[in-house]
PDB file of N, CA and C in Angstrom:
ATOM      1  N   MET A   1      56.208  30.889  59.234  1.00  0.00           N
ATOM      2  CA  MET A   1      55.751  29.518  59.356  1.00  0.00           C
ATOM      3  C   MET A   1      54.276  29.473  58.979  1.00  0.00           C
ATOM      4  N   HIS A   2      53.904  28.514  58.157  1.00  0.00           N
ATOM      5  CA  HIS A   2      52.532  28.372  57.716  1.00  0.00           C
ATOM      6  C   HIS A   2      51.742  27.570  58.750  1.00  0.00           C
ATOM      7  N   PRO A   3      50.708  28.182  59.356  1.00  0.00           N
ATOM      8  CA  PRO A   3      49.936  27.481  60.386  1.00  0.00           C
ATOM      9  C   PRO A   3      49.318  26.184  59.895  1.00  0.00           C
ATOM     10  N   GLU A   4      48.953  26.139  58.602  1.00  0.00           N
ATOM     11  CA  GLU A   4      48.324  24.919  58.109  1.00  0.00           C
ATOM     12  C   GLU A   4      49.309  23.752  58.011  1.00  0.00           C
ATOM     13  N   LEU A   5      50.617  24.051  58.019  1.00  0.00           N
ATOM     14  CA  LEU A   5      51.620  22.999  57.953  1.00  0.00           C
ATOM     15  C   LEU A   5      52.126  22.584  59.333  1.00  0.00           C
ATOM     16  N   ALA A   6      51.757  23.329  60.332  1.00  0.00           N
ATOM     17  CA  ALA A   6      52.327  23.095  61.652  1.00  0.00           C
ATOM     18  C   ALA A   6      51.328  22.395  62.576  1.00  0.00           C
ATOM     19  N   ASP A   7      51.825  21.457  63.310  1.00  0.00           N
ATOM     20  CA  ASP A   7      51.067  20.820  64.375  1.00  0.00           C
ATOM     21  C   ASP A   7      51.710  21.230  65.681  1.00  0.00           C
ATOM     22  N   VAL A   8      50.909  21.435  66.687  1.00  0.00           N
ATOM     23  CA  VAL A   8      51.472  21.756  67.996  1.00  0.00           C
ATOM     24  C   VAL A   8      51.673  20.446  68.740  1.00  0.00           C
ATOM     25  N   VAL A   9      52.893  20.244  69.189  1.00  0.00           N
ATOM     26  CA  VAL A   9      53.248  19.007  69.869  1.00  0.00           C
ATOM     27  C   VAL A   9      53.668  19.354  71.294  1.00  0.00           C
ATOM     28  N   LYS A  10      53.036  18.757  72.263  1.00  0.00           N
ATOM     29  CA  LYS A  10      53.408  18.988  73.660  1.00  0.00           C
ATOM     30  C   LYS A  10      54.642  18.151  73.980  1.00  0.00           C
ATOM     31  N   VAL A  11      55.712  18.813  74.363  1.00  0.00           N
ATOM     32  CA  VAL A  11      56.939  18.114  74.723  1.00  0.00           C
ATOM     33  C   VAL A  11      56.940  17.848  76.217  1.00  0.00           C
ATOM     34  N   SER A  12      56.500  18.830  76.974  1.00  0.00           N
ATOM     35  CA  SER A  12      56.356  18.695  78.419  1.00  0.00           C
ATOM     36  C   SER A  12      55.265  19.670  78.826  1.00  0.00           C
ATOM     37  N   PRO A  13      54.807  19.625  80.065  1.00  0.00           N
ATOM     38  CA  PRO A  13      53.745  20.556  80.470  1.00  0.00           C
ATOM     39  C   PRO A  13      54.138  22.025  80.291  1.00  0.00           C
ATOM     40  N   CYS A  14      55.431  22.334  80.351  1.00  0.00           N
ATOM     41  CA  CYS A  14      55.841  23.730  80.258  1.00  0.00           C
ATOM     42  C   CYS A  14      56.488  24.091  78.923  1.00  0.00           C
ATOM     43  N   LYS A  15      56.607  23.154  78.014  1.00  0.00           N
ATOM     44  CA  LYS A  15      57.286  23.443  76.744  1.00  0.00           C
ATOM     45  C   LYS A  15      56.438  22.970  75.570  1.00  0.00           C
ATOM     46  N   THR A  16      56.151  23.851  74.661  1.00  0.00           N
ATOM     47  CA  THR A  16      55.408  23.517  73.449  1.00  0.00           C
ATOM     48  C   THR A  16      56.243  23.937  72.255  1.00  0.00           C
ATOM     49  N   ILE A  17      56.348  23.082  71.268  1.00  0.00           N
ATOM     50  CA  ILE A  17      57.067  23.444  70.044  1.00  0.00           C
ATOM     51  C   ILE A  17      56.152  23.259  68.861  1.00  0.00           C
ATOM     52  N   LYS A  18      56.469  23.936  67.778  1.00  0.00           N
ATOM     53  CA  LYS A  18      55.743  23.731  66.534  1.00  0.00           C
ATOM     54  C   LYS A  18      56.576  22.798  65.685  1.00  0.00           C
ATOM     55  N   TYR A  19      55.915  21.806  65.141  1.00  0.00           N
ATOM     56  CA  TYR A  19      56.603  20.812  64.319  1.00  0.00           C
ATOM     57  C   TYR A  19      56.056  20.909  62.903  1.00  0.00           C
ATOM     58  N   ILE A  20      56.896  21.253  61.960  1.00  0.00           N
ATOM     59  CA  ILE A  20      56.482  21.331  60.568  1.00  0.00           C
ATOM     60  C   ILE A  20      56.583  19.933  59.978  1.00  0.00           C
ATOM     61  N   MET A  21      55.557  19.532  59.260  1.00  0.00           N
ATOM     62  CA  MET A  21      55.516  18.187  58.692  1.00  0.00           C
ATOM     63  C   MET A  21      56.696  17.895  57.781  1.00  0.00           C
ATOM     64  N   GLU A  22      57.070  18.856  56.928  1.00  0.00           N
ATOM     65  CA  GLU A  22      58.152  18.591  55.998  1.00  0.00           C
ATOM     66  C   GLU A  22      59.016  19.830  55.839  1.00  0.00           C
ATOM     67  N   SER A  23      60.314  19.654  55.864  1.00  0.00           N
ATOM     68  CA  SER A  23      61.242  20.756  55.670  1.00  0.00           C
ATOM     69  C   SER A  23      61.566  20.890  54.194  1.00  0.00           C
ATOM     70  N   LYS A  24      61.680  22.147  53.741  1.00  0.00           N
ATOM     71  CA  LYS A  24      62.067  22.403  52.352  1.00  0.00           C
ATOM     72  C   LYS A  24      63.571  22.254  52.172  1.00  0.00           C
ATOM     73  N   GLY A  25      64.318  22.540  53.250  1.00  0.00           N
ATOM     74  CA  GLY A  25      65.769  22.475  53.158  1.00  0.00           C
ATOM     75  C   GLY A  25      66.415  22.604  54.523  1.00  0.00           C
ATOM     76  N   LEU A  26      67.742  22.803  54.506  1.00  0.00           N
ATOM     77  CA  LEU A  26      68.517  22.883  55.744  1.00  0.00           C
ATOM     78  C   LEU A  26      68.053  24.018  56.651  1.00  0.00           C
ATOM     79  N   GLY A  27      67.630  25.127  56.067  1.00  0.00           N
ATOM     80  CA  GLY A  27      67.166  26.268  56.861  1.00  0.00           C
ATOM     81  C   GLY A  27      65.995  25.913  57.760  1.00  0.00           C
ATOM     82  N   ASP A  28      65.058  25.132  57.240  1.00  0.00           N
ATOM     83  CA  ASP A  28      63.904  24.715  58.039  1.00  0.00           C
ATOM     84  C   ASP A  28      64.333  23.795  59.180  1.00  0.00           C
ATOM     85  N   THR A  29      65.288  22.924  58.916  1.00  0.00           N
ATOM     86  CA  THR A  29      65.779  22.012  59.955  1.00  0.00           C
ATOM     87  C   THR A  29      66.474  22.788  61.068  1.00  0.00           C
ATOM     88  N   VAL A  30      67.321  23.760  60.691  1.00  0.00           N
ATOM     89  CA  VAL A  30      68.002  24.594  61.688  1.00  0.00           C
ATOM     90  C   VAL A  30      66.966  25.381  62.491  1.00  0.00           C
ATOM     91  N   ALA A  31      65.930  25.892  61.818  1.00  0.00           N
ATOM     92  CA  ALA A  31      64.880  26.644  62.505  1.00  0.00           C
ATOM     93  C   ALA A  31      64.155  25.773  63.531  1.00  0.00           C
ATOM     94  N   LYS A  32      63.898  24.511  63.188  1.00  0.00           N
ATOM     95  CA  LYS A  32      63.246  23.591  64.137  1.00  0.00           C
ATOM     96  C   LYS A  32      64.105  23.393  65.389  1.00  0.00           C
ATOM     97  N   ILE A  33      65.395  23.208  65.161  1.00  0.00           N
ATOM     98  CA  ILE A  33      66.305  22.964  66.288  1.00  0.00           C
ATOM     99  C   ILE A  33      66.408  24.199  67.180  1.00  0.00           C
ATOM    100  N   THR A  34      66.583  25.377  66.564  1.00  0.00           N
ATOM    101  CA  THR A  34      66.707  26.598  67.374  1.00  0.00           C
ATOM    102  C   THR A  34      65.408  26.907  68.104  1.00  0.00           C
ATOM    103  N   SER A  35      64.270  26.578  67.482  1.00  0.00           N
ATOM    104  CA  SER A  35      62.987  26.784  68.134  1.00  0.00           C
ATOM    105  C   SER A  35      62.826  25.832  69.322  1.00  0.00           C
ATOM    106  N   PHE A  36      63.221  24.585  69.146  1.00  0.00           N
ATOM    107  CA  PHE A  36      63.099  23.590  70.212  1.00  0.00           C
ATOM    108  C   PHE A  36      63.870  24.017  71.463  1.00  0.00           C
ATOM    109  N   PHE A  37      65.080  24.554  71.251  1.00  0.00           N
ATOM    110  CA  PHE A  37      65.909  24.982  72.382  1.00  0.00           C
ATOM    111  C   PHE A  37      65.705  26.454  72.740  1.00  0.00           C
ATOM    112  N   SER A  38      64.703  27.107  72.146  1.00  0.00           N
ATOM    113  CA  SER A  38      64.366  28.514  72.379  1.00  0.00           C
ATOM    114  C   SER A  38      65.490  29.483  72.021  1.00  0.00           C
ATOM    115  N   ILE A  39      66.403  29.056  71.187  1.00  0.00           N
ATOM    116  CA  ILE A  39      67.491  29.933  70.752  1.00  0.00           C
ATOM    117  C   ILE A  39      66.933  31.071  69.903  1.00  0.00           C
ATOM    118  N   ASP A  40      65.873  30.799  69.135  1.00  0.00           N
ATOM    119  CA  ASP A  40      65.266  31.840  68.309  1.00  0.00           C
ATOM    120  C   ASP A  40      64.700  32.971  69.164  1.00  0.00           C
ATOM    121  N   LYS A  41      64.109  32.635  70.289  1.00  0.00           N
ATOM    122  CA  LYS A  41      63.553  33.652  71.194  1.00  0.00           C
ATOM    123  C   LYS A  41      64.664  34.504  71.813  1.00  0.00           C
ATOM    124  N   VAL A  42      65.767  33.869  72.169  1.00  0.00           N
ATOM    125  CA  VAL A  42      66.904  34.593  72.739  1.00  0.00           C
ATOM    126  C   VAL A  42      67.482  35.554  71.698  1.00  0.00           C
ATOM    127  N   SER A  43      67.620  35.080  70.454  1.00  0.00           N
ATOM    128  CA  SER A  43      68.144  35.923  69.369  1.00  0.00           C
ATOM    129  C   SER A  43      67.255  37.136  69.139  1.00  0.00           C
ATOM    130  N   GLU A  44      65.953  36.924  69.133  1.00  0.00           N
ATOM    131  CA  GLU A  44      65.014  38.028  68.939  1.00  0.00           C
ATOM    132  C   GLU A  44      65.109  39.039  70.076  1.00  0.00           C
ATOM    133  N   ALA A  45      65.231  38.547  71.307  1.00  0.00           N
ATOM    134  CA  ALA A  45      65.336  39.440  72.468  1.00  0.00           C
ATOM    135  C   ALA A  45      66.623  40.264  72.412  1.00  0.00           C
ATOM    136  N   ILE A  46      67.726  39.639  72.038  1.00  0.00           N
ATOM    137  CA  ILE A  46      69.007  40.353  71.937  1.00  0.00           C
ATOM    138  C   ILE A  46      68.933  41.408  70.839  1.00  0.00           C
ATOM    139  N   ALA A  47      68.349  41.056  69.704  1.00  0.00           N
ATOM    140  CA  ALA A  47      68.207  42.014  68.603  1.00  0.00           C
ATOM    141  C   ALA A  47      67.350  43.204  69.029  1.00  0.00           C
ATOM    142  N   LYS A  48      66.290  42.935  69.768  1.00  0.00           N
ATOM    143  CA  LYS A  48      65.404  43.998  70.241  1.00  0.00           C
ATOM    144  C   LYS A  48      66.149  44.920  71.209  1.00  0.00           C
ATOM    145  N   LEU A  49      66.913  44.319  72.122  1.00  0.00           N
ATOM    146  CA  LEU A  49      67.695  45.121  73.072  1.00  0.00           C
ATOM    147  C   LEU A  49      68.749  45.965  72.363  1.00  0.00           C
ATOM    148  N   ALA A  50      69.296  45.431  71.280  1.00  0.00           N
ATOM    149  CA  ALA A  50      70.329  46.149  70.523  1.00  0.00           C
ATOM    150  C   ALA A  50      69.720  47.185  69.584  1.00  0.00           C
ATOM    151  N   GLY A  51      68.392  47.225  69.505  1.00  0.00           N
ATOM    152  CA  GLY A  51      67.729  48.191  68.645  1.00  0.00           C
ATOM    153  C   GLY A  51      67.720  47.807  67.178  1.00  0.00           C
ATOM    154  N   LEU A  52      67.934  46.540  66.900  1.00  0.00           N
ATOM    155  CA  LEU A  52      67.930  46.055  65.520  1.00  0.00           C
ATOM    156  C   LEU A  52      66.513  45.694  65.097  1.00  0.00           C
ATOM    157  N   PRO A  53      66.217  45.778  63.792  1.00  0.00           N
ATOM    158  CA  PRO A  53      64.868  45.452  63.339  1.00  0.00           C
ATOM    159  C   PRO A  53      64.514  43.967  63.481  1.00  0.00           C
ATOM    160  N   GLY A  54      65.505  43.105  63.542  1.00  0.00           N
ATOM    161  CA  GLY A  54      65.265  41.676  63.698  1.00  0.00           C
ATOM    162  C   GLY A  54      66.579  40.941  63.863  1.00  0.00           C
ATOM    163  N   CYS A  55      66.483  39.654  64.107  1.00  0.00           N
ATOM    164  CA  CYS A  55      67.692  38.857  64.346  1.00  0.00           C
ATOM    165  C   CYS A  55      68.297  38.286  63.068  1.00  0.00           C
ATOM    166  N   GLY A  56      67.566  38.349  61.952  1.00  0.00           N
ATOM    167  CA  GLY A  56      68.060  37.815  60.688  1.00  0.00           C
ATOM    168  C   GLY A  56      67.799  36.333  60.518  1.00  0.00           C
ATOM    169  N   CYS A  57      67.044  35.745  61.429  1.00  0.00           N
ATOM    170  CA  CYS A  57      66.781  34.306  61.372  1.00  0.00           C
ATOM    171  C   CYS A  57      66.045  33.898  60.096  1.00  0.00           C
ATOM    172  N   GLN A  58      65.040  34.665  59.714  1.00  0.00           N
ATOM    173  CA  GLN A  58      64.248  34.315  58.534  1.00  0.00           C
ATOM    174  C   GLN A  58      65.094  34.398  57.267  1.00  0.00           C
ATOM    175  N   GLU A  59      65.918  35.436  57.161  1.00  0.00           N
ATOM    176  CA  GLU A  59      66.783  35.578  55.989  1.00  0.00           C
ATOM    177  C   GLU A  59      67.783  34.428  55.912  1.00  0.00           C
ATOM    178  N   ARG A  60      68.354  34.073  57.059  1.00  0.00           N
ATOM    179  CA  ARG A  60      69.309  32.959  57.119  1.00  0.00           C
ATOM    180  C   ARG A  60      68.615  31.652  56.758  1.00  0.00           C
ATOM    181  N   ARG A  61      67.404  31.476  57.259  1.00  0.00           N
ATOM    182  CA  ARG A  61      66.628  30.267  56.962  1.00  0.00           C
ATOM    183  C   ARG A  61      66.383  30.136  55.458  1.00  0.00           C
ATOM    184  N   GLU A  62      65.956  31.242  54.832  1.00  0.00           N
ATOM    185  CA  GLU A  62      65.690  31.219  53.395  1.00  0.00           C
ATOM    186  C   GLU A  62      66.959  30.971  52.589  1.00  0.00           C
ATOM    187  N   ALA A  63      68.073  31.585  53.016  1.00  0.00           N
ATOM    188  CA  ALA A  63      69.343  31.396  52.307  1.00  0.00           C
ATOM    189  C   ALA A  63      69.798  29.937  52.392  1.00  0.00           C
ATOM    190  N   LEU A  64      69.699  29.336  53.580  1.00  0.00           N
ATOM    191  CA  LEU A  64      70.088  27.936  53.739  1.00  0.00           C
ATOM    192  C   LEU A  64      69.156  27.002  52.964  1.00  0.00           C
ATOM    193  N   ASN A  65      67.864  27.311  52.943  1.00  0.00           N
ATOM    194  CA  ASN A  65      66.928  26.502  52.150  1.00  0.00           C
ATOM    195  C   ASN A  65      67.266  26.571  50.671  1.00  0.00           C
ATOM    196  N   GLN A  66      67.662  27.759  50.218  1.00  0.00           N
ATOM    197  CA  GLN A  66      67.999  27.916  48.807  1.00  0.00           C
ATOM    198  C   GLN A  66      69.309  27.215  48.467  1.00  0.00           C
ATOM    199  N   LEU A  67      70.306  27.323  49.359  1.00  0.00           N
ATOM    200  CA  LEU A  67      71.601  26.693  49.100  1.00  0.00           C
ATOM    201  C   LEU A  67      71.556  25.171  49.261  1.00  0.00           C
ATOM    202  N   PHE A  68      70.762  24.687  50.216  1.00  0.00           N
ATOM    203  CA  PHE A  68      70.716  23.256  50.509  1.00  0.00           C
ATOM    204  C   PHE A  68      69.283  22.738  50.556  1.00  0.00           C
ATOM    205  N   PRO A  69      68.602  22.717  49.410  1.00  0.00           N
ATOM    206  CA  PRO A  69      67.231  22.186  49.397  1.00  0.00           C
ATOM    207  C   PRO A  69      67.252  20.665  49.501  1.00  0.00           C
ATOM    208  N   TYR A  70      66.192  20.103  50.057  1.00  0.00           N
ATOM    209  CA  TYR A  70      66.120  18.655  50.194  1.00  0.00           C
ATOM    210  C   TYR A  70      65.565  17.984  48.942  1.00  0.00           C
ATOM    211  N   GLU A  71      64.765  18.711  48.135  1.00  0.00           N
ATOM    212  CA  GLU A  71      64.117  18.050  47.007  1.00  0.00           C
ATOM    213  C   GLU A  71      65.022  17.846  45.806  1.00  0.00           C
ATOM    214  N   SER A  72      66.048  18.634  45.667  1.00  0.00           N
ATOM    215  CA  SER A  72      66.908  18.524  44.491  1.00  0.00           C
ATOM    216  C   SER A  72      68.311  18.111  44.917  1.00  0.00           C
ATOM    217  N   SER A  73      68.868  17.152  44.240  1.00  0.00           N
ATOM    218  CA  SER A  73      70.202  16.699  44.620  1.00  0.00           C
ATOM    219  C   SER A  73      71.285  17.252  43.705  1.00  0.00           C
ATOM    220  N   VAL A  74      70.903  17.874  42.576  1.00  0.00           N
ATOM    221  CA  VAL A  74      71.880  18.422  41.644  1.00  0.00           C
ATOM    222  C   VAL A  74      71.585  19.897  41.417  1.00  0.00           C
ATOM    223  N   ARG A  75      72.628  20.724  41.505  1.00  0.00           N
ATOM    224  CA  ARG A  75      72.504  22.167  41.275  1.00  0.00           C
ATOM    225  C   ARG A  75      73.558  22.574  40.263  1.00  0.00           C
ATOM    226  N   TYR A  76      73.299  23.629  39.532  1.00  0.00           N
ATOM    227  CA  TYR A  76      74.209  24.100  38.501  1.00  0.00           C
ATOM    228  C   TYR A  76      74.713  25.496  38.847  1.00  0.00           C
ATOM    229  N   PHE A  77      76.023  25.682  38.723  1.00  0.00           N
ATOM    230  CA  PHE A  77      76.662  26.950  39.063  1.00  0.00           C
ATOM    231  C   PHE A  77      77.591  27.394  37.938  1.00  0.00           C
ATOM    232  N   ARG A  78      77.824  28.713  37.882  1.00  0.00           N
ATOM    233  CA  ARG A  78      78.794  29.292  36.964  1.00  0.00           C
ATOM    234  C   ARG A  78      79.901  29.914  37.818  1.00  0.00           C
ATOM    235  N   VAL A  79      81.145  29.672  37.433  1.00  0.00           N
ATOM    236  CA  VAL A  79      82.289  30.219  38.153  1.00  0.00           C
ATOM    237  C   VAL A  79      82.450  31.683  37.754  1.00  0.00           C
ATOM    238  N   LYS A  80      82.413  32.575  38.751  1.00  0.00           N
ATOM    239  CA  LYS A  80      82.570  34.006  38.501  1.00  0.00           C
ATOM    240  C   LYS A  80      84.020  34.452  38.697  1.00  0.00           C
ATOM    241  N   LYS A  81      84.701  33.824  39.657  1.00  0.00           N
ATOM    242  CA  LYS A  81      86.112  34.116  39.923  1.00  0.00           C
ATOM    243  C   LYS A  81      86.847  32.785  40.041  1.00  0.00           C
ATOM    244  N   PRO A  82      88.045  32.678  39.479  1.00  0.00           N
ATOM    245  CA  PRO A  82      88.799  31.418  39.565  1.00  0.00           C
ATOM    246  C   PRO A  82      89.080  31.039  41.026  1.00  0.00           C
ATOM    247  N   PHE A  83      89.049  29.741  41.309  1.00  0.00           N
ATOM    248  CA  PHE A  83      89.391  29.248  42.644  1.00  0.00           C
ATOM    249  C   PHE A  83      89.895  27.815  42.534  1.00  0.00           C
ATOM    250  N   ASN A  84      90.456  27.321  43.627  1.00  0.00           N
ATOM    251  CA  ASN A  84      91.000  25.965  43.685  1.00  0.00           C
ATOM    252  C   ASN A  84      90.469  25.308  44.947  1.00  0.00           C
ATOM    253  N   VAL A  85      89.918  24.111  44.801  1.00  0.00           N
ATOM    254  CA  VAL A  85      89.453  23.327  45.948  1.00  0.00           C
ATOM    255  C   VAL A  85      90.010  21.926  45.784  1.00  0.00           C
ATOM    256  N   MET A  86      90.722  21.471  46.790  1.00  0.00           N
ATOM    257  CA  MET A  86      91.285  20.122  46.813  1.00  0.00           C
ATOM    258  C   MET A  86      92.101  19.838  45.545  1.00  0.00           C
ATOM    259  N   ASP A  87      92.965  20.794  45.193  1.00  0.00           N
ATOM    260  CA  ASP A  87      93.866  20.689  44.035  1.00  0.00           C
ATOM    261  C   ASP A  87      93.143  20.580  42.691  1.00  0.00           C
ATOM    262  N   ILE A  88      91.915  21.066  42.624  1.00  0.00           N
ATOM    263  CA  ILE A  88      91.187  21.137  41.366  1.00  0.00           C
ATOM    264  C   ILE A  88      90.951  22.612  41.064  1.00  0.00           C
ATOM    265  N   ASP A  89      91.400  23.052  39.890  1.00  0.00           N
ATOM    266  CA  ASP A  89      91.231  24.444  39.484  1.00  0.00           C
ATOM    267  C   ASP A  89      89.903  24.634  38.771  1.00  0.00           C
ATOM    268  N   TYR A  90      89.213  25.709  39.129  1.00  0.00           N
ATOM    269  CA  TYR A  90      87.972  26.098  38.478  1.00  0.00           C
ATOM    270  C   TYR A  90      88.201  27.469  37.856  1.00  0.00           C
ATOM    271  N   PHE A  91      87.756  27.663  36.617  1.00  0.00           N
ATOM    272  CA  PHE A  91      88.059  28.866  35.872  1.00  0.00           C
ATOM    273  C   PHE A  91      86.819  29.708  35.618  1.00  0.00           C
ATOM    274  N   LYS A  92      87.017  31.021  35.492  1.00  0.00           N
ATOM    275  CA  LYS A  92      85.930  31.959  35.233  1.00  0.00           C
ATOM    276  C   LYS A  92      85.154  31.530  33.993  1.00  0.00           C
ATOM    277  N   GLY A  93      83.813  31.534  34.128  1.00  0.00           N
ATOM    278  CA  GLY A  93      82.943  31.164  33.013  1.00  0.00           C
ATOM    279  C   GLY A  93      82.603  29.687  32.960  1.00  0.00           C
ATOM    280  N   GLN A  94      83.350  28.872  33.678  1.00  0.00           N
ATOM    281  CA  GLN A  94      83.112  27.433  33.680  1.00  0.00           C
ATOM    282  C   GLN A  94      81.768  27.139  34.351  1.00  0.00           C
ATOM    283  N   GLN A  95      81.005  26.223  33.784  1.00  0.00           N
ATOM    284  CA  GLN A  95      79.746  25.801  34.386  1.00  0.00           C
ATOM    285  C   GLN A  95      79.964  24.434  35.012  1.00  0.00           C
ATOM    286  N   ILE A  96      79.517  24.304  36.258  1.00  0.00           N
ATOM    287  CA  ILE A  96      79.724  23.037  36.960  1.00  0.00           C
ATOM    288  C   ILE A  96      78.420  22.541  37.565  1.00  0.00           C
ATOM    289  N   GLN A  97      78.315  21.245  37.609  1.00  0.00           N
ATOM    290  CA  GLN A  97      77.171  20.562  38.202  1.00  0.00           C
ATOM    291  C   GLN A  97      77.624  20.088  39.578  1.00  0.00           C
ATOM    292  N   ILE A  98      76.868  20.457  40.610  1.00  0.00           N
ATOM    293  CA  ILE A  98      77.274  20.104  41.969  1.00  0.00           C
ATOM    294  C   ILE A  98      76.198  19.250  42.625  1.00  0.00           C
ATOM    295  N   SER A  99      76.623  18.104  43.112  1.00  0.00           N
ATOM    296  CA  SER A  99      75.741  17.236  43.890  1.00  0.00           C
ATOM    297  C   SER A  99      76.436  16.985  45.224  1.00  0.00           C
ATOM    298  N   LYS A 100      75.803  16.234  46.082  1.00  0.00           N
ATOM    299  CA  LYS A 100      76.379  15.975  47.404  1.00  0.00           C
ATOM    300  C   LYS A 100      77.688  15.200  47.336  1.00  0.00           C
ATOM    301  N   THR A 101      77.953  14.556  46.208  1.00  0.00           N
ATOM    302  CA  THR A 101      79.193  13.791  46.076  1.00  0.00           C
ATOM    303  C   THR A 101      80.316  14.610  45.445  1.00  0.00           C
ATOM    304  N   ASN A 102      80.019  15.839  44.999  1.00  0.00           N
ATOM    305  CA  ASN A 102      81.020  16.693  44.381  1.00  0.00           C
ATOM    306  C   ASN A 102      82.023  17.174  45.428  1.00  0.00           C
ATOM    307  N   THR A 103      83.288  17.310  45.028  1.00  0.00           N
ATOM    308  CA  THR A 103      84.341  17.693  45.984  1.00  0.00           C
ATOM    309  C   THR A 103      84.153  19.084  46.568  1.00  0.00           C
ATOM    310  N   ILE A 104      83.437  19.975  45.881  1.00  0.00           N
ATOM    311  CA  ILE A 104      83.266  21.329  46.428  1.00  0.00           C
ATOM    312  C   ILE A 104      81.921  21.534  47.119  1.00  0.00           C
ATOM    313  N   TYR A 105      81.124  20.479  47.245  1.00  0.00           N
ATOM    314  CA  TYR A 105      79.791  20.598  47.851  1.00  0.00           C
ATOM    315  C   TYR A 105      79.831  21.292  49.209  1.00  0.00           C
ATOM    316  N   HIS A 106      80.781  20.938  50.055  1.00  0.00           N
ATOM    317  CA  HIS A 106      80.849  21.495  51.409  1.00  0.00           C
ATOM    318  C   HIS A 106      81.428  22.912  51.437  1.00  0.00           C
ATOM    319  N   HIS A 107      81.840  23.421  50.290  1.00  0.00           N
ATOM    320  CA  HIS A 107      82.399  24.764  50.204  1.00  0.00           C
ATOM    321  C   HIS A 107      81.438  25.747  49.541  1.00  0.00           C
ATOM    322  N   ILE A 108      80.242  25.308  49.184  1.00  0.00           N
ATOM    323  CA  ILE A 108      79.312  26.132  48.415  1.00  0.00           C
ATOM    324  C   ILE A 108      79.005  27.454  49.111  1.00  0.00           C
ATOM    325  N   ILE A 109      78.669  27.423  50.388  1.00  0.00           N
ATOM    326  CA  ILE A 109      78.288  28.654  51.090  1.00  0.00           C
ATOM    327  C   ILE A 109      79.408  29.681  50.996  1.00  0.00           C
ATOM    328  N   ARG A 110      80.629  29.284  51.303  1.00  0.00           N
ATOM    329  CA  ARG A 110      81.767  30.209  51.253  1.00  0.00           C
ATOM    330  C   ARG A 110      81.978  30.729  49.839  1.00  0.00           C
ATOM    331  N   LEU A 111      81.911  29.859  48.851  1.00  0.00           N
ATOM    332  CA  LEU A 111      82.150  30.262  47.462  1.00  0.00           C
ATOM    333  C   LEU A 111      81.079  31.218  46.940  1.00  0.00           C
ATOM    334  N   VAL A 112      79.841  31.022  47.346  1.00  0.00           N
ATOM    335  CA  VAL A 112      78.770  31.936  46.951  1.00  0.00           C
ATOM    336  C   VAL A 112      78.940  33.273  47.664  1.00  0.00           C
ATOM    337  N   GLN A 113      79.279  33.257  48.967  1.00  0.00           N
ATOM    338  CA  GLN A 113      79.503  34.497  49.706  1.00  0.00           C
ATOM    339  C   GLN A 113      80.683  35.275  49.144  1.00  0.00           C
ATOM    340  N   ASP A 114      81.730  34.572  48.731  1.00  0.00           N
ATOM    341  CA  ASP A 114      82.906  35.215  48.132  1.00  0.00           C
ATOM    342  C   ASP A 114      82.650  35.659  46.698  1.00  0.00           C
ATOM    343  N   GLU A 115      81.461  35.365  46.186  1.00  0.00           N
ATOM    344  CA  GLU A 115      81.064  35.667  44.813  1.00  0.00           C
ATOM    345  C   GLU A 115      81.963  34.966  43.800  1.00  0.00           C
ATOM    346  N   SER A 116      82.450  33.789  44.176  1.00  0.00           N
ATOM    347  CA  SER A 116      83.209  32.963  43.241  1.00  0.00           C
ATOM    348  C   SER A 116      82.289  32.108  42.397  1.00  0.00           C
ATOM    349  N   LEU A 117      81.102  31.802  42.927  1.00  0.00           N
ATOM    350  CA  LEU A 117      80.100  30.995  42.220  1.00  0.00           C
ATOM    351  C   LEU A 117      78.784  31.739  42.193  1.00  0.00           C
ATOM    352  N   GLU A 118      78.016  31.518  41.108  1.00  0.00           N
ATOM    353  CA  GLU A 118      76.626  31.976  41.080  1.00  0.00           C
ATOM    354  C   GLU A 118      75.788  30.825  40.545  1.00  0.00           C
ATOM    355  N   GLU A 119      74.622  30.659  41.139  1.00  0.00           N
ATOM    356  CA  GLU A 119      73.772  29.555  40.714  1.00  0.00           C
ATOM    357  C   GLU A 119      73.088  29.888  39.404  1.00  0.00           C
ATOM    358  N   ILE A 120      73.015  28.893  38.528  1.00  0.00           N
ATOM    359  CA  ILE A 120      72.288  29.011  37.265  1.00  0.00           C
ATOM    360  C   ILE A 120      70.924  28.405  37.506  1.00  0.00           C
ATOM    361  N   ILE A 121      69.911  29.203  37.385  1.00  0.00           N
ATOM    362  CA  ILE A 121      68.559  28.725  37.682  1.00  0.00           C
ATOM    363  C   ILE A 121      67.829  28.363  36.413  1.00  0.00           C
TER     364      ILE A 121
END
């Protein structure tokens, strides 16, 4: 978190949260919510107890920001493996433009994780 972008906002005498002026994407919004409810602190404590180097929150935040940015409404992907969503077939090598109104918009995370789609930058 960039200190120059954050303001400290008193929520109650015993609770202080950092409020970022503008989110880059969904990851920043999720981070704000987990921070507000102290879920991020619990995750870090559990990871520390388990002997893990971290909870993975930052990586997840960056991945969600990249997959669901707020500034751009259209993204371009190339189909790596054929798949079908809502009775529409997508074929290997096909290039598709995805916006929030596209039928596969809500399936992007799964399709990227399954390596069925790759983003064209």
